[in-house]
N, C-alpha and C. Protein backbone atom coordinates (compact mmCIF):
# COMPACT_ATOMS: atom_id res chain seq x y z
N MET A 1 0.83 -1.17 0.00
CA MET A 1 0.00 0.00 0.00
C MET A 1 0.89 1.25 0.00
N LYS A 2 0.60 2.16 -0.90
CA LYS A 2 1.36 3.41 -1.01
C LYS A 2 0.72 4.46 -0.11
N LYS A 3 1.59 5.20 0.63
CA LYS A 3 1.12 6.26 1.51
C LYS A 3 1.85 7.55 1.18
N GLY A 4 1.09 8.64 1.15
CA GLY A 4 1.68 9.95 0.93
C GLY A 4 2.30 10.50 2.20
N LYS A 5 3.41 11.18 2.04
CA LYS A 5 4.09 11.87 3.14
C LYS A 5 4.36 13.29 2.68
N ILE A 6 4.68 14.18 3.60
CA ILE A 6 5.03 15.55 3.22
C ILE A 6 6.23 15.53 2.28
N TRP A 7 7.16 14.64 2.52
CA TRP A 7 8.41 14.58 1.76
C TRP A 7 8.34 13.72 0.51
N GLY A 8 7.25 12.98 0.28
CA GLY A 8 7.13 12.12 -0.90
C GLY A 8 6.15 10.99 -0.64
N THR A 9 6.55 9.74 -0.98
CA THR A 9 5.68 8.59 -0.75
C THR A 9 6.48 7.42 -0.20
N THR A 10 5.78 6.54 0.49
CA THR A 10 6.36 5.28 0.96
C THR A 10 5.39 4.16 0.59
N GLU A 11 5.95 3.03 0.20
CA GLU A 11 5.12 1.90 -0.20
C GLU A 11 5.69 0.62 0.41
N LEU A 12 4.87 -0.09 1.17
CA LEU A 12 5.29 -1.34 1.78
C LEU A 12 5.38 -2.41 0.70
N LEU A 13 6.57 -3.01 0.53
CA LEU A 13 6.77 -4.06 -0.46
C LEU A 13 6.70 -5.45 0.16
N PHE A 14 7.19 -5.59 1.39
CA PHE A 14 7.25 -6.90 2.04
C PHE A 14 7.26 -6.70 3.54
N CYS A 15 6.61 -7.61 4.26
CA CYS A 15 6.62 -7.53 5.72
C CYS A 15 6.35 -8.91 6.31
N ASN A 16 7.17 -9.31 7.28
CA ASN A 16 6.88 -10.48 8.10
C ASN A 16 7.16 -10.10 9.55
N LYS A 17 7.38 -11.06 10.43
CA LYS A 17 7.53 -10.73 11.84
C LYS A 17 8.88 -10.10 12.20
N THR A 18 9.88 -10.19 11.30
CA THR A 18 11.20 -9.66 11.64
C THR A 18 11.75 -8.67 10.62
N VAL A 19 11.18 -8.61 9.42
CA VAL A 19 11.71 -7.76 8.36
C VAL A 19 10.56 -7.03 7.65
N ALA A 20 10.80 -5.75 7.33
CA ALA A 20 9.87 -4.99 6.49
C ALA A 20 10.69 -4.21 5.47
N ILE A 21 10.20 -4.16 4.24
CA ILE A 21 10.89 -3.43 3.17
C ILE A 21 9.92 -2.44 2.56
N HIS A 22 10.34 -1.17 2.54
CA HIS A 22 9.54 -0.09 1.97
C HIS A 22 10.29 0.53 0.79
N PHE A 23 9.55 0.92 -0.24
CA PHE A 23 10.10 1.71 -1.34
C PHE A 23 9.76 3.16 -1.05
N LEU A 24 10.80 4.02 -0.99
CA LEU A 24 10.60 5.44 -0.71
C LEU A 24 10.91 6.26 -1.95
N ASN A 25 10.05 7.19 -2.25
CA ASN A 25 10.26 8.18 -3.31
C ASN A 25 10.26 9.53 -2.60
N ILE A 26 11.45 10.12 -2.47
CA ILE A 26 11.60 11.34 -1.67
C ILE A 26 11.91 12.52 -2.60
N LYS A 27 11.13 13.59 -2.46
CA LYS A 27 11.36 14.79 -3.27
C LYS A 27 12.60 15.53 -2.79
N LYS A 28 13.32 16.15 -3.72
CA LYS A 28 14.48 16.96 -3.37
C LYS A 28 14.12 17.94 -2.26
N GLY A 29 14.94 17.96 -1.20
CA GLY A 29 14.70 18.83 -0.06
C GLY A 29 13.80 18.22 1.01
N GLY A 30 13.19 17.07 0.71
CA GLY A 30 12.31 16.42 1.68
C GLY A 30 13.11 15.73 2.78
N TYR A 31 12.57 15.77 3.98
CA TYR A 31 13.25 15.12 5.10
C TYR A 31 12.22 14.56 6.08
N CYS A 32 12.64 13.53 6.82
CA CYS A 32 11.76 12.92 7.82
C CYS A 32 12.04 13.55 9.19
N SER A 33 11.25 13.17 10.15
CA SER A 33 11.45 13.63 11.53
C SER A 33 12.73 13.03 12.10
N LYS A 34 13.28 13.68 13.10
CA LYS A 34 14.40 13.12 13.87
C LYS A 34 13.77 12.10 14.82
N HIS A 35 14.17 10.84 14.68
CA HIS A 35 13.52 9.78 15.45
C HIS A 35 14.46 8.60 15.66
N MET A 36 13.99 7.62 16.42
CA MET A 36 14.72 6.37 16.59
C MET A 36 13.74 5.23 16.76
N HIS A 37 14.25 4.02 16.61
CA HIS A 37 13.47 2.81 16.81
C HIS A 37 14.12 2.04 17.95
N ASN A 38 13.33 1.53 18.87
CA ASN A 38 13.89 0.84 20.03
C ASN A 38 14.38 -0.57 19.71
N CYS A 39 13.70 -1.28 18.83
CA CYS A 39 14.04 -2.69 18.56
C CYS A 39 14.38 -2.98 17.11
N LYS A 40 14.26 -2.00 16.23
CA LYS A 40 14.49 -2.24 14.80
C LYS A 40 15.73 -1.48 14.33
N SER A 41 16.51 -2.14 13.47
CA SER A 41 17.55 -1.40 12.76
C SER A 41 16.93 -0.90 11.46
N ASN A 42 17.49 0.16 10.92
CA ASN A 42 17.07 0.76 9.65
C ASN A 42 18.20 0.57 8.66
N ILE A 43 17.90 0.00 7.51
CA ILE A 43 18.90 -0.12 6.45
C ILE A 43 18.36 0.66 5.26
N PHE A 44 19.15 1.59 4.75
CA PHE A 44 18.78 2.39 3.58
C PHE A 44 19.65 1.97 2.42
N TYR A 45 19.03 1.67 1.26
CA TYR A 45 19.75 1.35 0.03
C TYR A 45 19.24 2.31 -1.05
N VAL A 46 20.15 3.12 -1.61
CA VAL A 46 19.76 4.14 -2.58
C VAL A 46 19.75 3.55 -3.99
N ILE A 47 18.59 3.64 -4.65
CA ILE A 47 18.42 3.19 -6.04
C ILE A 47 18.85 4.31 -6.98
N SER A 48 18.44 5.54 -6.66
CA SER A 48 18.86 6.70 -7.46
C SER A 48 18.82 7.95 -6.60
N GLY A 49 19.70 8.90 -6.93
CA GLY A 49 19.75 10.16 -6.20
C GLY A 49 20.80 10.15 -5.10
N ASN A 50 20.74 11.19 -4.27
CA ASN A 50 21.67 11.37 -3.15
C ASN A 50 20.86 11.60 -1.87
N LEU A 51 21.11 10.76 -0.88
CA LEU A 51 20.38 10.81 0.37
C LEU A 51 21.35 11.07 1.51
N LYS A 52 21.09 12.13 2.29
CA LYS A 52 21.92 12.44 3.45
C LYS A 52 21.26 11.85 4.69
N LEU A 53 22.04 11.07 5.44
CA LEU A 53 21.56 10.51 6.70
C LEU A 53 22.34 11.13 7.84
N THR A 54 21.62 11.63 8.82
CA THR A 54 22.23 12.22 10.00
C THR A 54 21.89 11.34 11.18
N VAL A 55 22.91 11.00 11.98
CA VAL A 55 22.70 10.24 13.21
C VAL A 55 23.29 11.02 14.37
N TRP A 56 22.69 10.83 15.54
CA TRP A 56 23.17 11.46 16.75
C TRP A 56 23.56 10.35 17.72
N THR A 57 24.78 10.38 18.20
CA THR A 57 25.24 9.37 19.14
C THR A 57 24.65 9.64 20.52
N HIS A 58 24.83 8.70 21.43
CA HIS A 58 24.33 8.88 22.79
C HIS A 58 25.04 10.04 23.49
N GLU A 59 26.22 10.39 23.00
CA GLU A 59 26.96 11.54 23.55
C GLU A 59 26.53 12.85 22.90
N GLY A 60 25.56 12.79 21.98
CA GLY A 60 25.06 13.98 21.32
C GLY A 60 25.84 14.41 20.09
N VAL A 61 26.84 13.61 19.69
CA VAL A 61 27.64 13.93 18.51
C VAL A 61 26.81 13.67 17.25
N LYS A 62 26.85 14.61 16.33
CA LYS A 62 26.11 14.52 15.08
C LYS A 62 27.05 14.03 13.98
N ASP A 63 26.61 13.02 13.22
CA ASP A 63 27.41 12.47 12.12
C ASP A 63 26.54 12.42 10.88
N GLU A 64 27.06 12.92 9.76
CA GLU A 64 26.31 12.94 8.50
C GLU A 64 27.03 12.09 7.46
N THR A 65 26.22 11.30 6.73
CA THR A 65 26.73 10.47 5.65
C THR A 65 25.85 10.69 4.43
N VAL A 66 26.47 10.88 3.26
CA VAL A 66 25.71 11.02 2.02
C VAL A 66 25.85 9.72 1.24
N LEU A 67 24.69 9.13 0.91
CA LEU A 67 24.66 7.91 0.11
C LEU A 67 24.36 8.24 -1.34
N TRP A 68 25.08 7.59 -2.23
CA TRP A 68 24.89 7.73 -3.67
C TRP A 68 24.25 6.45 -4.19
N GLN A 69 23.86 6.47 -5.44
CA GLN A 69 23.25 5.30 -6.08
C GLN A 69 24.08 4.04 -5.82
N GLY A 70 23.41 2.98 -5.37
CA GLY A 70 24.08 1.71 -5.12
C GLY A 70 24.71 1.58 -3.75
N GLU A 71 24.65 2.63 -2.93
CA GLU A 71 25.24 2.58 -1.59
C GLU A 71 24.16 2.34 -0.54
N GLN A 72 24.61 1.81 0.61
CA GLN A 72 23.69 1.53 1.70
C GLN A 72 24.35 1.79 3.04
N THR A 73 23.53 1.94 4.06
CA THR A 73 24.03 2.07 5.43
C THR A 73 22.99 1.51 6.38
N GLU A 74 23.46 1.15 7.57
CA GLU A 74 22.56 0.61 8.59
C GLU A 74 22.63 1.48 9.84
N ILE A 75 21.47 1.73 10.42
CA ILE A 75 21.37 2.48 11.66
C ILE A 75 20.83 1.54 12.73
N GLN A 76 21.57 1.40 13.79
CA GLN A 76 21.23 0.45 14.85
C GLN A 76 20.04 0.93 15.68
N PRO A 77 19.35 0.00 16.36
CA PRO A 77 18.25 0.40 17.25
C PRO A 77 18.75 1.36 18.33
N GLY A 78 17.87 2.28 18.73
CA GLY A 78 18.20 3.21 19.79
C GLY A 78 19.03 4.40 19.37
N VAL A 79 19.27 4.57 18.06
CA VAL A 79 20.08 5.68 17.55
C VAL A 79 19.17 6.70 16.87
N LEU A 80 19.21 7.94 17.35
CA LEU A 80 18.44 9.01 16.70
C LEU A 80 18.97 9.25 15.30
N HIS A 81 18.05 9.39 14.33
CA HIS A 81 18.47 9.60 12.95
C HIS A 81 17.41 10.37 12.17
N GLN A 82 17.84 10.85 10.99
CA GLN A 82 16.97 11.63 10.11
C GLN A 82 17.55 11.55 8.71
N PHE A 83 16.68 11.45 7.69
CA PHE A 83 17.17 11.52 6.31
C PHE A 83 16.71 12.80 5.64
N LYS A 84 17.48 13.20 4.62
CA LYS A 84 17.12 14.36 3.79
C LYS A 84 17.58 14.07 2.37
N ALA A 85 16.70 14.34 1.40
CA ALA A 85 17.02 14.13 -0.01
C ALA A 85 17.75 15.34 -0.56
N LEU A 86 18.98 15.14 -1.04
CA LEU A 86 19.74 16.23 -1.66
C LEU A 86 19.35 16.40 -3.12
N THR A 87 18.78 15.34 -3.71
CA THR A 87 18.19 15.35 -5.05
C THR A 87 16.90 14.55 -4.92
N ASP A 88 16.15 14.39 -5.99
CA ASP A 88 15.05 13.43 -5.95
C ASP A 88 15.68 12.06 -5.68
N VAL A 89 15.08 11.30 -4.78
CA VAL A 89 15.67 10.02 -4.35
C VAL A 89 14.64 8.91 -4.44
N MET A 90 15.10 7.76 -4.91
CA MET A 90 14.36 6.51 -4.80
C MET A 90 15.24 5.57 -4.01
N CYS A 91 14.69 4.97 -2.94
CA CYS A 91 15.49 4.07 -2.13
C CYS A 91 14.63 3.01 -1.48
N LEU A 92 15.29 1.99 -0.98
CA LEU A 92 14.64 0.98 -0.17
C LEU A 92 14.99 1.27 1.28
N GLU A 93 13.98 1.20 2.13
CA GLU A 93 14.19 1.32 3.57
C GLU A 93 13.77 -0.01 4.17
N MET A 94 14.72 -0.67 4.80
CA MET A 94 14.46 -1.98 5.37
C MET A 94 14.55 -1.91 6.89
N TYR A 95 13.58 -2.51 7.54
CA TYR A 95 13.58 -2.62 8.99
C TYR A 95 13.87 -4.07 9.34
N GLU A 96 14.71 -4.26 10.33
CA GLU A 96 15.01 -5.61 10.81
C GLU A 96 14.97 -5.61 12.32
N VAL A 97 14.14 -6.47 12.88
CA VAL A 97 14.09 -6.60 14.34
C VAL A 97 15.36 -7.29 14.78
N LYS A 98 16.01 -6.73 15.78
CA LYS A 98 17.27 -7.27 16.27
C LYS A 98 17.02 -8.15 17.49
N PHE A 99 17.36 -9.42 17.34
CA PHE A 99 17.31 -10.35 18.46
C PHE A 99 18.69 -10.40 19.09
N HIS A 100 18.75 -10.52 20.40
CA HIS A 100 20.02 -10.55 21.10
C HIS A 100 20.22 -11.93 21.70
N ASP A 101 21.40 -12.54 21.47
CA ASP A 101 21.69 -13.87 21.99
C ASP A 101 21.58 -13.92 23.51
N GLU A 102 21.89 -12.82 24.17
CA GLU A 102 21.86 -12.77 25.64
C GLU A 102 20.49 -12.35 26.16
N ASP A 103 19.46 -12.41 25.35
CA ASP A 103 18.12 -11.99 25.73
C ASP A 103 17.43 -13.12 26.50
N ILE A 104 17.91 -13.35 27.72
CA ILE A 104 17.34 -14.40 28.55
C ILE A 104 17.51 -14.01 30.02
N GLU A 105 16.47 -14.26 30.81
CA GLU A 105 16.54 -14.06 32.26
C GLU A 105 16.23 -15.39 32.90
N ARG A 106 17.20 -15.94 33.60
CA ARG A 106 17.04 -17.27 34.20
C ARG A 106 16.54 -17.16 35.64
N GLU A 107 15.57 -18.03 35.98
CA GLU A 107 15.10 -18.13 37.36
C GLU A 107 15.67 -19.38 38.04
N SER A 108 16.23 -20.27 37.25
CA SER A 108 16.84 -21.48 37.81
C SER A 108 17.97 -21.90 36.89
N ILE A 109 18.70 -22.92 37.29
CA ILE A 109 19.83 -23.43 36.51
C ILE A 109 19.45 -24.81 35.99
N GLY A 110 19.71 -25.06 34.74
CA GLY A 110 19.44 -26.39 34.16
C GLY A 110 20.44 -27.41 34.66
N GLY A 111 20.13 -28.70 34.48
CA GLY A 111 21.03 -29.76 34.92
C GLY A 111 20.56 -31.11 34.43
N MET A 112 21.05 -32.14 35.04
CA MET A 112 20.70 -33.52 34.70
C MET A 112 20.33 -34.26 35.97
N ASP A 113 19.31 -35.10 35.89
CA ASP A 113 18.99 -35.99 37.01
C ASP A 113 20.12 -37.00 37.16
N LYS A 114 20.43 -37.35 38.39
CA LYS A 114 21.46 -38.36 38.62
C LYS A 114 20.94 -39.73 38.25
N ALA A 115 21.75 -40.48 37.53
CA ALA A 115 21.34 -41.84 37.13
C ALA A 115 21.22 -42.74 38.35
N LYS A 116 20.23 -43.62 38.35
CA LYS A 116 20.03 -44.53 39.48
C LYS A 116 20.28 -45.94 39.09
């Protein structure tokens, strides 16, 4: 389903429980809100145009990266970020839920019954 945004359009291409892929058509000068995702990483892949991505570290440091056609970058969960189109841009925005191997809280310890 295609949805209009102030900055252009977004269209959901694929979605399951851990991955979502959107096609974004961003007008030159268009930008999204400064935001973050708690459990999802954002991967941007530029099909055409130039897309500037700004991220803010937990220390408040601002870092800007410009992606060109065929380039991609990933933004980890919990990182404030914002995109801006320097030209008309077509890109894929992919969300991936991040599972953590250490995501477990134990109330007891496993073991083996003693053989009799």
